[in-house]
Amino acid sequence: MGKFVDLTGKKYGKLLVIKRIGTGSHGQALWECQCECGSKTTVRGDSLRNGHTQSCGCIQKEISSVRMVDLHLTHGMTNTRLYRIWCGVKRRCNNPNDKPFHNYGGRGITVCKEWNDSFEAFCDWALNNGYQETLTIDRINNNGNYCPENCRWATCQEQNNNRRDNYIVSIDGATDTLVNMCRKYGANYNTVSTRIFRDGWNAVNAILF
């Protein structure tokens, strides 16, 4: 048996050794310790000396708490409208069980990795690009993805005007939706919509070019 070492009064991490209170089932010395947090705990002597135990358990609780903050509570915006918008964007692109999925993920529309992985990234973009409580997120190119290059904040009227099924175009005295005009003139809708909504082309030129 090794020489007895009196740990009374020594400090190990957050623990101050008060007194020896007995022996464990395998012959190890047991010590009563006072933790900096105010709690008392019983610790084996070898666990104190080798640094395995440095608190009553509060250190691990603090670490876990910090991790929870990092994972779930960092932005503190879970109950905000902007957070719900972010969840809705991801849901309709990623969840086949979501009712609007067939109009989004079902058509191949995705959320860019930056936004999909981080609400903070989405929030930063939103606040730096005119987000207001009265505006909704709008894809400039309705066949494009949710990403900084293809999204804006728009009024309901602006967003409705940008819907692929009711964007109105007039050519040679005839007026119809953009989709139908593309069909009529044999233009590729994806190319035309990109020219109009992303590149800012005049609709007639975008179709006839």
N, C-alpha and C. Protein backbone atom coordinates (compact mmCIF):
# COMPACT_ATOMS: atom_id res chain seq x y z
N MET A 1 0.85 -1.19 0.00
CA MET A 1 0.00 0.00 0.00
C MET A 1 0.88 1.25 0.00
N GLY A 2 0.54 2.23 -0.81
CA GLY A 2 1.35 3.43 -0.90
C GLY A 2 1.26 4.28 0.35
N LYS A 3 2.19 5.21 0.47
CA LYS A 3 2.22 6.10 1.62
C LYS A 3 1.02 7.03 1.60
N PHE A 4 0.40 7.22 2.78
CA PHE A 4 -0.76 8.08 2.87
C PHE A 4 -0.36 9.53 2.61
N VAL A 5 -1.15 10.20 1.76
CA VAL A 5 -0.91 11.61 1.45
C VAL A 5 -2.12 12.41 1.93
N ASP A 6 -1.87 13.34 2.83
CA ASP A 6 -2.95 14.16 3.37
C ASP A 6 -3.27 15.29 2.39
N LEU A 7 -4.49 15.30 1.85
CA LEU A 7 -4.89 16.31 0.87
C LEU A 7 -5.64 17.47 1.50
N THR A 8 -5.84 17.43 2.79
CA THR A 8 -6.61 18.47 3.46
C THR A 8 -6.05 19.86 3.17
N GLY A 9 -6.94 20.76 2.77
CA GLY A 9 -6.56 22.15 2.50
C GLY A 9 -6.02 22.40 1.11
N LYS A 10 -5.84 21.34 0.32
CA LYS A 10 -5.31 21.52 -1.03
C LYS A 10 -6.44 21.83 -2.02
N LYS A 11 -6.07 22.51 -3.12
CA LYS A 11 -7.05 22.94 -4.12
C LYS A 11 -6.81 22.18 -5.42
N TYR A 12 -7.87 21.60 -5.95
CA TYR A 12 -7.81 20.88 -7.23
C TYR A 12 -8.93 21.42 -8.12
N GLY A 13 -8.54 22.19 -9.11
CA GLY A 13 -9.56 22.81 -9.94
C GLY A 13 -10.43 23.73 -9.11
N LYS A 14 -11.72 23.47 -9.07
CA LYS A 14 -12.64 24.27 -8.26
C LYS A 14 -12.86 23.69 -6.87
N LEU A 15 -12.20 22.60 -6.57
CA LEU A 15 -12.45 21.88 -5.33
C LEU A 15 -11.40 22.17 -4.27
N LEU A 16 -11.86 22.51 -3.07
CA LEU A 16 -11.00 22.65 -1.89
C LEU A 16 -11.26 21.45 -0.98
N VAL A 17 -10.19 20.69 -0.69
CA VAL A 17 -10.34 19.49 0.14
C VAL A 17 -10.52 19.90 1.59
N ILE A 18 -11.62 19.41 2.18
CA ILE A 18 -11.94 19.75 3.57
C ILE A 18 -11.38 18.70 4.54
N LYS A 19 -11.74 17.44 4.28
CA LYS A 19 -11.29 16.39 5.19
C LYS A 19 -11.49 15.03 4.54
N ARG A 20 -10.76 14.04 5.10
CA ARG A 20 -10.96 12.67 4.66
C ARG A 20 -12.18 12.11 5.38
N ILE A 21 -13.01 11.38 4.66
CA ILE A 21 -14.23 10.88 5.28
C ILE A 21 -14.34 9.36 5.21
N GLY A 22 -13.29 8.69 4.78
CA GLY A 22 -13.36 7.24 4.76
C GLY A 22 -12.62 6.64 3.60
N THR A 23 -12.99 5.39 3.31
CA THR A 23 -12.33 4.63 2.26
C THR A 23 -13.37 4.02 1.34
N GLY A 24 -13.09 4.02 0.06
CA GLY A 24 -14.00 3.46 -0.91
C GLY A 24 -13.97 1.95 -0.93
N SER A 25 -14.79 1.35 -1.79
CA SER A 25 -14.92 -0.11 -1.84
C SER A 25 -13.65 -0.81 -2.28
N HIS A 26 -12.79 -0.08 -2.96
CA HIS A 26 -11.54 -0.67 -3.43
C HIS A 26 -10.33 -0.12 -2.67
N GLY A 27 -10.59 0.46 -1.53
CA GLY A 27 -9.50 0.92 -0.67
C GLY A 27 -9.02 2.32 -0.94
N GLN A 28 -9.66 3.05 -1.85
CA GLN A 28 -9.22 4.41 -2.15
C GLN A 28 -9.70 5.37 -1.05
N ALA A 29 -8.86 6.35 -0.74
CA ALA A 29 -9.25 7.37 0.24
C ALA A 29 -10.33 8.27 -0.36
N LEU A 30 -11.33 8.57 0.42
CA LEU A 30 -12.42 9.45 -0.01
C LEU A 30 -12.32 10.77 0.74
N TRP A 31 -12.50 11.85 0.00
CA TRP A 31 -12.34 13.18 0.58
C TRP A 31 -13.59 14.03 0.35
N GLU A 32 -13.95 14.74 1.41
CA GLU A 32 -15.04 15.71 1.29
C GLU A 32 -14.44 17.01 0.78
N CYS A 33 -15.06 17.54 -0.29
CA CYS A 33 -14.54 18.75 -0.92
C CYS A 33 -15.62 19.82 -1.04
N GLN A 34 -15.18 21.05 -0.96
CA GLN A 34 -16.06 22.21 -1.15
C GLN A 34 -15.79 22.79 -2.54
N CYS A 35 -16.84 22.84 -3.36
CA CYS A 35 -16.70 23.40 -4.71
C CYS A 35 -16.90 24.91 -4.69
N GLU A 36 -16.28 25.60 -5.63
CA GLU A 36 -16.42 27.06 -5.73
C GLU A 36 -17.87 27.49 -5.92
N CYS A 37 -18.68 26.61 -6.49
CA CYS A 37 -20.08 26.97 -6.73
C CYS A 37 -20.91 26.91 -5.45
N GLY A 38 -20.31 26.38 -4.36
CA GLY A 38 -21.01 26.30 -3.07
C GLY A 38 -21.43 24.90 -2.67
N SER A 39 -21.36 23.96 -3.59
CA SER A 39 -21.76 22.59 -3.29
C SER A 39 -20.62 21.80 -2.68
N LYS A 40 -21.00 20.76 -1.92
CA LYS A 40 -20.01 19.84 -1.37
C LYS A 40 -20.13 18.51 -2.10
N THR A 41 -19.01 17.82 -2.25
CA THR A 41 -19.01 16.55 -2.96
C THR A 41 -17.93 15.65 -2.39
N THR A 42 -18.09 14.35 -2.59
CA THR A 42 -17.10 13.38 -2.14
C THR A 42 -16.34 12.85 -3.35
N VAL A 43 -14.99 12.87 -3.24
CA VAL A 43 -14.17 12.52 -4.38
C VAL A 43 -13.04 11.59 -3.94
N ARG A 44 -12.71 10.64 -4.79
CA ARG A 44 -11.56 9.78 -4.53
C ARG A 44 -10.27 10.58 -4.64
N GLY A 45 -9.30 10.24 -3.80
CA GLY A 45 -8.03 10.97 -3.79
C GLY A 45 -7.30 10.90 -5.12
N ASP A 46 -7.29 9.70 -5.72
CA ASP A 46 -6.57 9.58 -6.99
C ASP A 46 -7.22 10.40 -8.09
N SER A 47 -8.55 10.57 -8.04
CA SER A 47 -9.25 11.38 -9.04
C SER A 47 -8.91 12.85 -8.89
N LEU A 48 -8.66 13.27 -7.66
CA LEU A 48 -8.23 14.64 -7.44
C LEU A 48 -6.82 14.86 -7.95
N ARG A 49 -5.93 13.96 -7.59
CA ARG A 49 -4.51 14.14 -7.92
C ARG A 49 -4.24 14.05 -9.42
N ASN A 50 -4.97 13.18 -10.13
CA ASN A 50 -4.70 13.05 -11.57
C ASN A 50 -5.51 14.04 -12.42
N GLY A 51 -6.29 14.91 -11.77
CA GLY A 51 -7.02 15.95 -12.49
C GLY A 51 -8.32 15.48 -13.12
N HIS A 52 -8.71 14.22 -12.86
CA HIS A 52 -9.94 13.71 -13.48
C HIS A 52 -11.18 14.44 -12.96
N THR A 53 -11.17 14.78 -11.66
CA THR A 53 -12.30 15.49 -11.06
C THR A 53 -11.85 16.85 -10.60
N GLN A 54 -12.47 17.90 -11.15
CA GLN A 54 -12.06 19.26 -10.80
C GLN A 54 -13.20 20.12 -10.29
N SER A 55 -14.38 19.53 -10.20
CA SER A 55 -15.53 20.27 -9.68
C SER A 55 -16.57 19.26 -9.19
N CYS A 56 -17.66 19.78 -8.65
CA CYS A 56 -18.74 18.91 -8.20
C CYS A 56 -19.58 18.40 -9.36
N GLY A 57 -19.22 18.85 -10.57
CA GLY A 57 -20.00 18.53 -11.77
C GLY A 57 -20.49 19.79 -12.46
N CYS A 58 -20.28 20.93 -11.80
CA CYS A 58 -20.78 22.19 -12.36
C CYS A 58 -20.02 22.60 -13.62
N ILE A 59 -18.74 22.21 -13.74
CA ILE A 59 -17.99 22.55 -14.95
C ILE A 59 -18.64 21.92 -16.17
N GLN A 60 -18.98 20.61 -16.04
CA GLN A 60 -19.61 19.93 -17.17
C GLN A 60 -20.96 20.54 -17.49
N LYS A 61 -21.68 20.96 -16.45
CA LYS A 61 -22.98 21.60 -16.67
C LYS A 61 -22.80 22.91 -17.42
N GLU A 62 -21.74 23.66 -17.06
CA GLU A 62 -21.47 24.93 -17.75
C GLU A 62 -21.14 24.68 -19.22
N ILE A 63 -20.30 23.64 -19.47
CA ILE A 63 -19.93 23.32 -20.85
C ILE A 63 -21.16 22.93 -21.65
N SER A 64 -22.01 22.09 -21.03
CA SER A 64 -23.23 21.65 -21.72
C SER A 64 -24.14 22.83 -22.00
N SER A 65 -24.21 23.74 -21.04
CA SER A 65 -25.06 24.91 -21.21
C SER A 65 -24.57 25.77 -22.36
N VAL A 66 -23.24 25.97 -22.44
CA VAL A 66 -22.67 26.75 -23.54
C VAL A 66 -22.96 26.10 -24.88
N ARG A 67 -22.83 24.76 -24.93
CA ARG A 67 -23.11 24.05 -26.18
C ARG A 67 -24.57 24.21 -26.58
N MET A 68 -25.46 24.15 -25.60
CA MET A 68 -26.87 24.33 -25.91
C MET A 68 -27.13 25.72 -26.46
N VAL A 69 -26.47 26.71 -25.87
CA VAL A 69 -26.63 28.07 -26.37
C VAL A 69 -26.13 28.17 -27.80
N ASP A 70 -24.94 27.58 -28.05
CA ASP A 70 -24.38 27.61 -29.39
C ASP A 70 -25.28 26.94 -30.40
N LEU A 71 -25.87 25.79 -30.01
CA LEU A 71 -26.66 25.01 -30.96
C LEU A 71 -28.07 25.53 -31.16
N HIS A 72 -28.67 26.07 -30.09
CA HIS A 72 -30.10 26.36 -30.17
C HIS A 72 -30.50 27.80 -29.86
N LEU A 73 -29.72 28.49 -29.04
CA LEU A 73 -30.23 29.75 -28.52
C LEU A 73 -29.38 30.96 -28.87
N THR A 74 -28.37 30.78 -29.70
CA THR A 74 -27.44 31.87 -29.97
C THR A 74 -28.15 33.09 -30.50
N HIS A 75 -29.00 32.91 -31.49
CA HIS A 75 -29.62 34.07 -32.14
C HIS A 75 -30.77 34.65 -31.34
N GLY A 76 -31.37 33.88 -30.43
CA GLY A 76 -32.47 34.38 -29.60
C GLY A 76 -33.67 34.84 -30.39
N MET A 77 -33.86 34.31 -31.60
CA MET A 77 -34.93 34.80 -32.48
C MET A 77 -35.91 33.70 -32.87
N THR A 78 -35.95 32.63 -32.09
CA THR A 78 -36.77 31.48 -32.44
C THR A 78 -38.23 31.84 -32.65
N ASN A 79 -38.73 32.81 -31.90
CA ASN A 79 -40.15 33.15 -31.97
C ASN A 79 -40.45 34.33 -32.88
N THR A 80 -39.48 34.72 -33.71
CA THR A 80 -39.69 35.88 -34.57
C THR A 80 -40.25 35.48 -35.94
N ARG A 81 -40.82 36.45 -36.62
CA ARG A 81 -41.35 36.22 -37.96
C ARG A 81 -40.25 35.82 -38.93
N LEU A 82 -39.06 36.42 -38.81
CA LEU A 82 -37.96 36.12 -39.71
C LEU A 82 -37.52 34.66 -39.56
N TYR A 83 -37.50 34.17 -38.34
CA TYR A 83 -37.13 32.77 -38.11
C TYR A 83 -38.16 31.84 -38.73
N ARG A 84 -39.44 32.20 -38.62
CA ARG A 84 -40.49 31.37 -39.22
C ARG A 84 -40.38 31.37 -40.74
N ILE A 85 -40.00 32.50 -41.33
CA ILE A 85 -39.80 32.56 -42.78
C ILE A 85 -38.68 31.60 -43.19
N TRP A 86 -37.58 31.63 -42.45
CA TRP A 86 -36.44 30.74 -42.73
C TRP A 86 -36.86 29.28 -42.65
N CYS A 87 -37.61 28.93 -41.60
CA CYS A 87 -38.09 27.55 -41.46
C CYS A 87 -39.00 27.17 -42.62
N GLY A 88 -39.86 28.10 -43.04
CA GLY A 88 -40.78 27.83 -44.13
C GLY A 88 -40.06 27.61 -45.45
N VAL A 89 -39.02 28.40 -45.70
CA VAL A 89 -38.23 28.24 -46.92
C VAL A 89 -37.61 26.85 -46.96
N LYS A 90 -37.00 26.44 -45.86
CA LYS A 90 -36.35 25.13 -45.82
C LYS A 90 -37.37 24.00 -45.91
N ARG A 91 -38.50 24.19 -45.26
CA ARG A 91 -39.52 23.13 -45.25
C ARG A 91 -40.07 22.87 -46.64
N ARG A 92 -40.41 23.91 -47.38
CA ARG A 92 -41.02 23.67 -48.69
C ARG A 92 -40.03 23.21 -49.75
N CYS A 93 -38.72 23.39 -49.46
CA CYS A 93 -37.71 22.89 -50.40
C CYS A 93 -37.17 21.52 -50.00
N ASN A 94 -37.21 21.20 -48.70
CA ASN A 94 -36.55 19.98 -48.22
C ASN A 94 -37.48 18.87 -47.76
N ASN A 95 -38.73 19.21 -47.46
CA ASN A 95 -39.64 18.23 -46.87
C ASN A 95 -40.71 17.78 -47.86
N PRO A 96 -40.59 16.58 -48.41
CA PRO A 96 -41.59 16.08 -49.37
C PRO A 96 -42.99 16.00 -48.80
N ASN A 97 -43.12 15.99 -47.47
CA ASN A 97 -44.43 15.91 -46.85
C ASN A 97 -45.09 17.28 -46.68
N ASP A 98 -44.34 18.34 -46.97
CA ASP A 98 -44.89 19.68 -46.86
C ASP A 98 -45.82 19.94 -48.05
N LYS A 99 -46.98 20.50 -47.80
CA LYS A 99 -48.00 20.66 -48.84
C LYS A 99 -47.49 21.41 -50.08
N PRO A 100 -46.74 22.53 -49.94
CA PRO A 100 -46.26 23.24 -51.15
C PRO A 100 -45.02 22.63 -51.79
N PHE A 101 -44.52 21.51 -51.27
CA PHE A 101 -43.25 20.96 -51.74
C PHE A 101 -43.22 20.78 -53.25
N HIS A 102 -44.35 20.35 -53.85
CA HIS A 102 -44.34 20.07 -55.29
C HIS A 102 -44.06 21.32 -56.12
N ASN A 103 -44.31 22.51 -55.55
CA ASN A 103 -44.03 23.75 -56.26
C ASN A 103 -42.62 24.27 -56.01
N TYR A 104 -41.89 23.62 -55.11
CA TYR A 104 -40.56 24.10 -54.73
C TYR A 104 -39.53 22.96 -54.87
N GLY A 105 -39.32 22.21 -53.79
CA GLY A 105 -38.38 21.11 -53.87
C GLY A 105 -38.72 20.12 -54.95
N GLY A 106 -40.01 19.92 -55.19
CA GLY A 106 -40.45 19.00 -56.22
C GLY A 106 -40.10 19.47 -57.62
N ARG A 107 -39.84 20.77 -57.77
CA ARG A 107 -39.42 21.31 -59.07
C ARG A 107 -37.91 21.50 -59.14
N GLY A 108 -37.22 21.02 -58.10
CA GLY A 108 -35.77 21.14 -58.10
C GLY A 108 -35.23 22.39 -57.46
N ILE A 109 -36.10 23.19 -56.83
CA ILE A 109 -35.66 24.41 -56.17
C ILE A 109 -35.05 24.06 -54.81
N THR A 110 -33.89 24.59 -54.53
CA THR A 110 -33.18 24.28 -53.29
C THR A 110 -32.86 25.55 -52.51
N VAL A 111 -32.40 25.34 -51.29
CA VAL A 111 -31.90 26.43 -50.44
C VAL A 111 -30.38 26.35 -50.46
N CYS A 112 -29.71 27.45 -50.70
CA CYS A 112 -28.25 27.42 -50.74
C CYS A 112 -27.71 26.90 -49.40
N LYS A 113 -26.56 26.28 -49.43
CA LYS A 113 -25.98 25.65 -48.24
C LYS A 113 -25.80 26.66 -47.11
N GLU A 114 -25.39 27.87 -47.45
CA GLU A 114 -25.15 28.90 -46.44
C GLU A 114 -26.39 29.15 -45.61
N TRP A 115 -27.54 29.30 -46.28
CA TRP A 115 -28.80 29.54 -45.56
C TRP A 115 -29.35 28.27 -44.94
N ASN A 116 -29.23 27.18 -45.66
CA ASN A 116 -29.80 25.93 -45.16
C ASN A 116 -29.16 25.52 -43.83
N ASP A 117 -27.86 25.81 -43.69
CA ASP A 117 -27.13 25.38 -42.50
C ASP A 117 -27.15 26.40 -41.37
N SER A 118 -27.53 27.63 -41.65
CA SER A 118 -27.37 28.67 -40.63
C SER A 118 -28.46 29.74 -40.71
N PHE A 119 -29.27 29.82 -39.66
CA PHE A 119 -30.24 30.91 -39.59
C PHE A 119 -29.53 32.25 -39.48
N GLU A 120 -28.39 32.27 -38.77
CA GLU A 120 -27.66 33.52 -38.60
C GLU A 120 -27.24 34.10 -39.95
N ALA A 121 -26.80 33.25 -40.87
CA ALA A 121 -26.40 33.72 -42.19
C ALA A 121 -27.60 34.29 -42.93
N PHE A 122 -28.74 33.61 -42.85
CA PHE A 122 -29.96 34.09 -43.48
C PHE A 122 -30.39 35.42 -42.86
N CYS A 123 -30.31 35.49 -41.53
CA CYS A 123 -30.71 36.71 -40.82
C CYS A 123 -29.83 37.89 -41.22
N ASP A 124 -28.53 37.67 -41.29
CA ASP A 124 -27.61 38.75 -41.69
C ASP A 124 -27.96 39.27 -43.08
N TRP A 125 -28.22 38.34 -44.01
CA TRP A 125 -28.59 38.77 -45.36
C TRP A 125 -29.88 39.57 -45.33
N ALA A 126 -30.87 39.07 -44.59
CA ALA A 126 -32.18 39.73 -44.54
C ALA A 126 -32.08 41.16 -44.01
N LEU A 127 -31.38 41.32 -42.89
CA LEU A 127 -31.28 42.64 -42.26
C LEU A 127 -30.45 43.61 -43.08
N ASN A 128 -29.54 43.08 -43.89
CA ASN A 128 -28.71 43.95 -44.73
C ASN A 128 -29.32 44.20 -46.10
N ASN A 129 -30.48 43.60 -46.35
CA ASN A 129 -31.09 43.75 -47.67
C ASN A 129 -32.55 44.16 -47.60
N GLY A 130 -32.86 44.99 -46.61
CA GLY A 130 -34.16 45.66 -46.60
C GLY A 130 -35.30 44.91 -45.95
N TYR A 131 -35.01 43.90 -45.13
CA TYR A 131 -36.11 43.17 -44.49
C TYR A 131 -36.96 44.09 -43.63
N GLN A 132 -38.28 43.97 -43.79
CA GLN A 132 -39.26 44.64 -42.93
C GLN A 132 -40.38 43.66 -42.63
N GLU A 133 -41.08 43.90 -41.54
CA GLU A 133 -42.14 42.99 -41.12
C GLU A 133 -43.27 42.91 -42.15
N THR A 134 -43.38 43.93 -42.99
CA THR A 134 -44.47 43.96 -43.98
C THR A 134 -44.08 43.30 -45.30
N LEU A 135 -42.83 42.86 -45.44
CA LEU A 135 -42.35 42.31 -46.70
C LEU A 135 -42.22 40.79 -46.63
N THR A 136 -42.24 40.17 -47.79
CA THR A 136 -42.08 38.72 -47.88
C THR A 136 -40.88 38.39 -48.76
N ILE A 137 -40.33 37.21 -48.57
CA ILE A 137 -39.18 36.81 -49.38
C ILE A 137 -39.66 36.40 -50.77
N ASP A 138 -38.94 36.86 -51.78
CA ASP A 138 -39.35 36.64 -53.16
C ASP A 138 -38.15 36.21 -53.98
N ARG A 139 -38.30 35.13 -54.75
CA ARG A 139 -37.24 34.72 -55.67
C ARG A 139 -37.38 35.52 -56.97
N ILE A 140 -36.33 36.18 -57.36
CA ILE A 140 -36.36 37.02 -58.56
C ILE A 140 -36.64 36.16 -59.78
N ASN A 141 -35.94 35.05 -59.89
CA ASN A 141 -36.22 34.07 -60.93
C ASN A 141 -37.01 32.94 -60.29
N ASN A 142 -38.26 32.79 -60.71
CA ASN A 142 -39.13 31.81 -60.06
C ASN A 142 -38.66 30.37 -60.23
N ASN A 143 -37.78 30.14 -61.16
CA ASN A 143 -37.21 28.81 -61.32
C ASN A 143 -35.86 28.68 -60.64
N GLY A 144 -35.42 29.76 -60.00
CA GLY A 144 -34.13 29.76 -59.33
C GLY A 144 -34.24 29.35 -57.88
N ASN A 145 -33.11 29.20 -57.24
CA ASN A 145 -33.06 28.72 -55.87
C ASN A 145 -33.16 29.86 -54.86
N TYR A 146 -33.32 29.48 -53.60
CA TYR A 146 -33.27 30.43 -52.50
C TYR A 146 -31.80 30.68 -52.17
N CYS A 147 -31.30 31.84 -52.54
CA CYS A 147 -29.91 32.19 -52.31
C CYS A 147 -29.81 33.72 -52.37
N PRO A 148 -28.76 34.30 -51.85
CA PRO A 148 -28.65 35.77 -51.85
C PRO A 148 -28.77 36.40 -53.23
N GLU A 149 -28.26 35.71 -54.25
CA GLU A 149 -28.26 36.29 -55.59
C GLU A 149 -29.63 36.29 -56.25
N ASN A 150 -30.56 35.47 -55.73
CA ASN A 150 -31.85 35.32 -56.41
C ASN A 150 -33.03 35.69 -55.52
N CYS A 151 -32.77 36.35 -54.40
CA CYS A 151 -33.87 36.68 -53.48
C CYS A 151 -33.88 38.16 -53.14
N ARG A 152 -35.05 38.62 -52.81
CA ARG A 152 -35.25 40.00 -52.40
C ARG A 152 -36.42 40.04 -51.44
N TRP A 153 -36.63 41.18 -50.79
CA TRP A 153 -37.80 41.39 -49.95
C TRP A 153 -38.79 42.24 -50.72
N ALA A 154 -40.01 41.75 -50.87
CA ALA A 154 -40.99 42.40 -51.74
C ALA A 154 -42.33 42.52 -51.04
N THR A 155 -43.13 43.48 -51.51
CA THR A 155 -44.51 43.57 -51.04
C THR A 155 -45.31 42.43 -51.65
N CYS A 156 -46.47 42.17 -51.10
CA CYS A 156 -47.32 41.11 -51.65
C CYS A 156 -47.67 41.38 -53.10
N GLN A 157 -47.90 42.66 -53.44
CA GLN A 157 -48.23 43.00 -54.82
C GLN A 157 -47.05 42.72 -55.75
N GLU A 158 -45.86 43.11 -55.31
CA GLU A 158 -44.67 42.85 -56.13
C GLU A 158 -44.45 41.35 -56.31
N GLN A 159 -44.68 40.61 -55.24
CA GLN A 159 -44.48 39.17 -55.34
C GLN A 159 -45.51 38.53 -56.25
N ASN A 160 -46.75 38.98 -56.14
CA ASN A 160 -47.78 38.43 -57.02
C ASN A 160 -47.49 38.75 -58.49
N ASN A 161 -46.94 39.94 -58.74
CA ASN A 161 -46.59 40.30 -60.11
C ASN A 161 -45.45 39.47 -60.66
N ASN A 162 -44.71 38.86 -59.76
CA ASN A 162 -43.55 38.07 -60.17
C ASN A 162 -43.88 36.58 -60.28
N ARG A 163 -45.11 36.21 -60.03
CA ARG A 163 -45.47 34.81 -60.16
C ARG A 163 -45.43 34.40 -61.62
N ARG A 164 -44.91 33.21 -61.85
CA ARG A 164 -44.72 32.76 -63.23
C ARG A 164 -46.03 32.60 -63.98
N ASP A 165 -47.15 32.41 -63.23
CA ASP A 165 -48.40 32.15 -63.92
C ASP A 165 -49.21 33.40 -64.19
N ASN A 166 -48.75 34.59 -63.73
CA ASN A 166 -49.55 35.78 -64.00
C ASN A 166 -48.70 37.02 -64.31
N TYR A 167 -47.44 36.80 -64.70
CA TYR A 167 -46.63 37.93 -65.16
C TYR A 167 -47.09 38.25 -66.58
N ILE A 168 -47.65 39.44 -66.76
CA ILE A 168 -48.32 39.78 -68.01
C ILE A 168 -47.37 40.49 -68.98
N VAL A 169 -47.45 40.07 -70.24
CA VAL A 169 -46.61 40.66 -71.29
C VAL A 169 -47.49 40.99 -72.50
N SER A 170 -47.21 42.12 -73.13
CA SER A 170 -47.93 42.51 -74.36
C SER A 170 -46.96 42.59 -75.52
N ILE A 171 -47.29 41.89 -76.61
CA ILE A 171 -46.47 41.91 -77.82
C ILE A 171 -47.39 42.03 -79.04
N ASP A 172 -47.14 43.05 -79.86
CA ASP A 172 -47.92 43.26 -81.09
C ASP A 172 -49.43 43.28 -80.82
N GLY A 173 -49.83 43.96 -79.75
CA GLY A 173 -51.25 44.12 -79.44
C GLY A 173 -51.88 42.96 -78.70
N ALA A 174 -51.15 41.86 -78.53
CA ALA A 174 -51.66 40.70 -77.80
C ALA A 174 -51.09 40.70 -76.39
N THR A 175 -51.94 40.38 -75.42
CA THR A 175 -51.53 40.36 -74.02
C THR A 175 -51.78 38.99 -73.42
N ASP A 176 -50.77 38.45 -72.74
CA ASP A 176 -50.93 37.13 -72.13
C ASP A 176 -49.87 36.97 -71.04
N THR A 177 -49.92 35.85 -70.34
CA THR A 177 -48.92 35.60 -69.31
C THR A 177 -47.57 35.32 -69.96
N LEU A 178 -46.53 35.50 -69.17
CA LEU A 178 -45.18 35.25 -69.66
C LEU A 178 -45.03 33.81 -70.12
N VAL A 179 -45.60 32.87 -69.37
CA VAL A 179 -45.50 31.46 -69.74
C VAL A 179 -46.09 31.23 -71.12
N ASN A 180 -47.29 31.76 -71.33
CA ASN A 180 -47.97 31.54 -72.61
C ASN A 180 -47.27 32.26 -73.76
N MET A 181 -46.72 33.44 -73.48
CA MET A 181 -46.00 34.17 -74.53
C MET A 181 -44.74 33.41 -74.94
N CYS A 182 -44.08 32.82 -73.98
CA CYS A 182 -42.89 32.02 -74.32
C CYS A 182 -43.28 30.85 -75.20
N ARG A 183 -44.40 30.21 -74.88
CA ARG A 183 -44.87 29.10 -75.71
C ARG A 183 -45.21 29.58 -77.11
N LYS A 184 -45.89 30.72 -77.19
CA LYS A 184 -46.34 31.24 -78.47
C LYS A 184 -45.17 31.55 -79.39
N TYR A 185 -44.10 32.13 -78.83
CA TYR A 185 -42.97 32.55 -79.66
C TYR A 185 -41.81 31.55 -79.63
N GLY A 186 -42.05 30.41 -79.01
CA GLY A 186 -41.03 29.37 -79.00
C GLY A 186 -39.80 29.72 -78.19
N ALA A 187 -39.97 30.54 -77.17
CA ALA A 187 -38.84 30.93 -76.33
C ALA A 187 -38.74 30.03 -75.11
N ASN A 188 -37.52 29.80 -74.66
CA ASN A 188 -37.32 28.98 -73.45
C ASN A 188 -37.67 29.81 -72.22
N TYR A 189 -38.65 29.32 -71.46
CA TYR A 189 -39.13 30.10 -70.32
C TYR A 189 -38.02 30.39 -69.31
N ASN A 190 -37.19 29.38 -69.01
CA ASN A 190 -36.13 29.57 -68.02
C ASN A 190 -35.16 30.67 -68.45
N THR A 191 -34.82 30.68 -69.73
CA THR A 191 -33.91 31.71 -70.25
C THR A 191 -34.55 33.09 -70.17
N VAL A 192 -35.82 33.15 -70.58
CA VAL A 192 -36.53 34.44 -70.59
C VAL A 192 -36.70 34.98 -69.17
N SER A 193 -37.11 34.13 -68.24
CA SER A 193 -37.33 34.60 -66.86
C SER A 193 -36.03 35.06 -66.22
N THR A 194 -34.93 34.38 -66.55
CA THR A 194 -33.63 34.81 -66.04
C THR A 194 -33.27 36.19 -66.58
N ARG A 195 -33.52 36.40 -67.87
CA ARG A 195 -33.23 37.70 -68.47
C ARG A 195 -34.05 38.81 -67.79
N ILE A 196 -35.32 38.53 -67.53
CA ILE A 196 -36.20 39.55 -66.96
C ILE A 196 -35.92 39.78 -65.48
N PHE A 197 -35.99 38.69 -64.70
CA PHE A 197 -35.98 38.83 -63.24
C PHE A 197 -34.60 38.93 -62.62
N ARG A 198 -33.61 38.39 -63.29
CA ARG A 198 -32.26 38.50 -62.75
C ARG A 198 -31.45 39.59 -63.42
N ASP A 199 -31.57 39.63 -64.79
CA ASP A 199 -30.71 40.55 -65.55
C ASP A 199 -31.38 41.87 -65.90
N GLY A 200 -32.68 41.98 -65.64
CA GLY A 200 -33.37 43.25 -65.84
C GLY A 200 -33.75 43.59 -67.26
N TRP A 201 -33.87 42.58 -68.13
CA TRP A 201 -34.24 42.83 -69.52
C TRP A 201 -35.70 43.28 -69.63
N ASN A 202 -35.99 44.01 -70.67
CA ASN A 202 -37.38 44.29 -71.05
C ASN A 202 -38.00 42.95 -71.47
N ALA A 203 -39.25 42.70 -71.06
CA ALA A 203 -39.88 41.40 -71.29
C ALA A 203 -39.99 41.05 -72.78
N VAL A 204 -40.34 42.03 -73.60
CA VAL A 204 -40.49 41.78 -75.03
C VAL A 204 -39.15 41.37 -75.64
N ASN A 205 -38.11 42.13 -75.30
CA ASN A 205 -36.78 41.78 -75.82
C ASN A 205 -36.32 40.41 -75.33
N ALA A 206 -36.65 40.11 -74.08
CA ALA A 206 -36.24 38.84 -73.50
C ALA A 206 -36.88 37.68 -74.24
N ILE A 207 -38.09 37.86 -74.72
CA ILE A 207 -38.78 36.78 -75.43
C ILE A 207 -38.35 36.69 -76.90
N LEU A 208 -38.21 37.85 -77.52
CA LEU A 208 -37.96 37.86 -78.97
C LEU A 208 -36.50 37.79 -79.35
N PHE A 209 -35.59 38.03 -78.40
CA PHE A 209 -34.17 38.06 -78.73
C PHE A 209 -33.68 36.69 -79.24
